[in-house]
Amino acid sequence: MLRIQVNEKENIERALKRLKRKFDKTGTKRQLQSRKHYTKPSEVLRRQLQKAEHIQTLKDQEAF
């Protein structure tokens, strides 16, 4: 569970911003979105390979 200490003089909007940043860093939002729908293992592998190919092409272009 995420906890944020709010000081007396601190603005509530600033505390909310800190909470959102902390929430994003933990990766729970991405995890919830990925669990929303079932993806087949072959589909996961295909996406990983596509991502790796894309990164490789970017690196190849950068080398020239």
C-alpha atoms as a PDB file:
ATOM      1  CA  MET A   1       0.000   0.000   0.000  1.00  0.00           C
ATOM      2  CA  LEU A   2       1.303   3.426  -0.909  1.00  0.00           C
ATOM      3  CA  ARG A   3       1.544   6.015   1.795  1.00  0.00           C
ATOM      4  CA  ILE A   4       2.314   9.689   1.428  1.00  0.00           C
ATOM      5  CA  GLN A   5       3.086  11.927   4.378  1.00  0.00           C
ATOM      6  CA  VAL A   6       1.430  15.326   3.970  1.00  0.00           C
ATOM      7  CA  ASN A   7       2.989  18.156   5.926  1.00  0.00           C
ATOM      8  CA  GLU A   8       0.909  20.968   7.405  1.00  0.00           C
ATOM      9  CA  LYS A   9       2.183  23.598   4.991  1.00  0.00           C
ATOM     10  CA  GLU A  10       2.208  21.332   1.941  1.00  0.00           C
ATOM     11  CA  ASN A  11      -0.298  21.833  -0.836  1.00  0.00           C
ATOM     12  CA  ILE A  12      -2.711  18.920  -1.411  1.00  0.00           C
ATOM     13  CA  GLU A  13      -2.214  19.053  -5.180  1.00  0.00           C
ATOM     14  CA  ARG A  14       1.515  18.601  -4.690  1.00  0.00           C
ATOM     15  CA  ALA A  15       0.915  15.596  -2.436  1.00  0.00           C
ATOM     16  CA  LEU A  16      -1.400  14.071  -5.039  1.00  0.00           C
ATOM     17  CA  LYS A  17       1.263  14.593  -7.670  1.00  0.00           C
ATOM     18  CA  ARG A  18       3.777  12.752  -5.487  1.00  0.00           C
ATOM     19  CA  LEU A  19       1.279   9.931  -4.979  1.00  0.00           C
ATOM     20  CA  LYS A  20       0.662   9.592  -8.717  1.00  0.00           C
ATOM     21  CA  ARG A  21       4.402   9.567  -9.442  1.00  0.00           C
ATOM     22  CA  LYS A  22       4.965   6.891  -6.815  1.00  0.00           C
ATOM     23  CA  PHE A  23       2.050   4.864  -8.221  1.00  0.00           C
ATOM     24  CA  ASP A  24       3.502   5.023 -11.736  1.00  0.00           C
ATOM     25  CA  LYS A  25       6.961   3.968 -10.550  1.00  0.00           C
ATOM     26  CA  THR A  26       5.629   0.833  -8.867  1.00  0.00           C
ATOM     27  CA  GLY A  27       4.136  -0.397 -12.145  1.00  0.00           C
ATOM     28  CA  THR A  28       0.814  -1.435 -10.657  1.00  0.00           C
ATOM     29  CA  LYS A  29      -1.166   0.405 -13.325  1.00  0.00           C
ATOM     30  CA  ARG A  30       0.579  -1.457 -16.137  1.00  0.00           C
ATOM     31  CA  GLN A  31       0.131  -4.713 -14.275  1.00  0.00           C
ATOM     32  CA  LEU A  32      -3.593  -4.136 -13.837  1.00  0.00           C
ATOM     33  CA  GLN A  33      -3.994  -3.294 -17.512  1.00  0.00           C
ATOM     34  CA  SER A  34      -2.117  -6.406 -18.580  1.00  0.00           C
ATOM     35  CA  ARG A  35      -4.287  -8.613 -16.352  1.00  0.00           C
ATOM     36  CA  LYS A  36      -7.476  -7.112 -17.737  1.00  0.00           C
ATOM     37  CA  HIS A  37      -7.367  -9.291 -20.863  1.00  0.00           C
ATOM     38  CA  TYR A  38      -5.821 -12.689 -21.380  1.00  0.00           C
ATOM     39  CA  THR A  39      -3.079 -12.815 -23.978  1.00  0.00           C
ATOM     40  CA  LYS A  40      -1.863 -16.089 -25.359  1.00  0.00           C
ATOM     41  CA  PRO A  41       1.792 -16.958 -24.721  1.00  0.00           C
ATOM     42  CA  SER A  42       2.438 -17.065 -28.475  1.00  0.00           C
ATOM     43  CA  GLU A  43       1.072 -13.525 -28.786  1.00  0.00           C
ATOM     44  CA  VAL A  44       3.307 -12.315 -25.954  1.00  0.00           C
ATOM     45  CA  LEU A  45       6.327 -13.885 -27.651  1.00  0.00           C
ATOM     46  CA  ARG A  46       5.384 -12.315 -30.998  1.00  0.00           C
ATOM     47  CA  ARG A  47       5.169  -8.858 -29.402  1.00  0.00           C
ATOM     48  CA  GLN A  48       8.520  -9.316 -27.694  1.00  0.00           C
ATOM     49  CA  LEU A  49      10.139 -10.327 -30.986  1.00  0.00           C
ATOM     50  CA  GLN A  50       8.597  -7.353 -32.791  1.00  0.00           C
ATOM     51  CA  LYS A  51       9.881  -5.016 -30.093  1.00  0.00           C
ATOM     52  CA  ALA A  52      13.364  -6.541 -30.290  1.00  0.00           C
ATOM     53  CA  GLU A  53      13.395  -6.191 -34.084  1.00  0.00           C
ATOM     54  CA  HIS A  54      12.323  -2.562 -33.841  1.00  0.00           C
ATOM     55  CA  ILE A  55      15.025  -1.758 -31.299  1.00  0.00           C
ATOM     56  CA  GLN A  56      17.603  -3.535 -33.450  1.00  0.00           C
ATOM     57  CA  THR A  57      16.656  -1.511 -36.532  1.00  0.00           C
ATOM     58  CA  LEU A  58      16.936   1.707 -34.522  1.00  0.00           C
ATOM     59  CA  LYS A  59      20.389   0.706 -33.318  1.00  0.00           C
ATOM     60  CA  ASP A  60      21.439  -0.218 -36.876  1.00  0.00           C
ATOM     61  CA  GLN A  61      20.290   3.150 -38.181  1.00  0.00           C
ATOM     62  CA  GLU A  62      22.147   4.887 -35.370  1.00  0.00           C
ATOM     63  CA  ALA A  63      25.376   3.077 -36.271  1.00  0.00           C
ATOM     64  CA  PHE A  64      25.435   4.628 -39.754  1.00  0.00           C
END
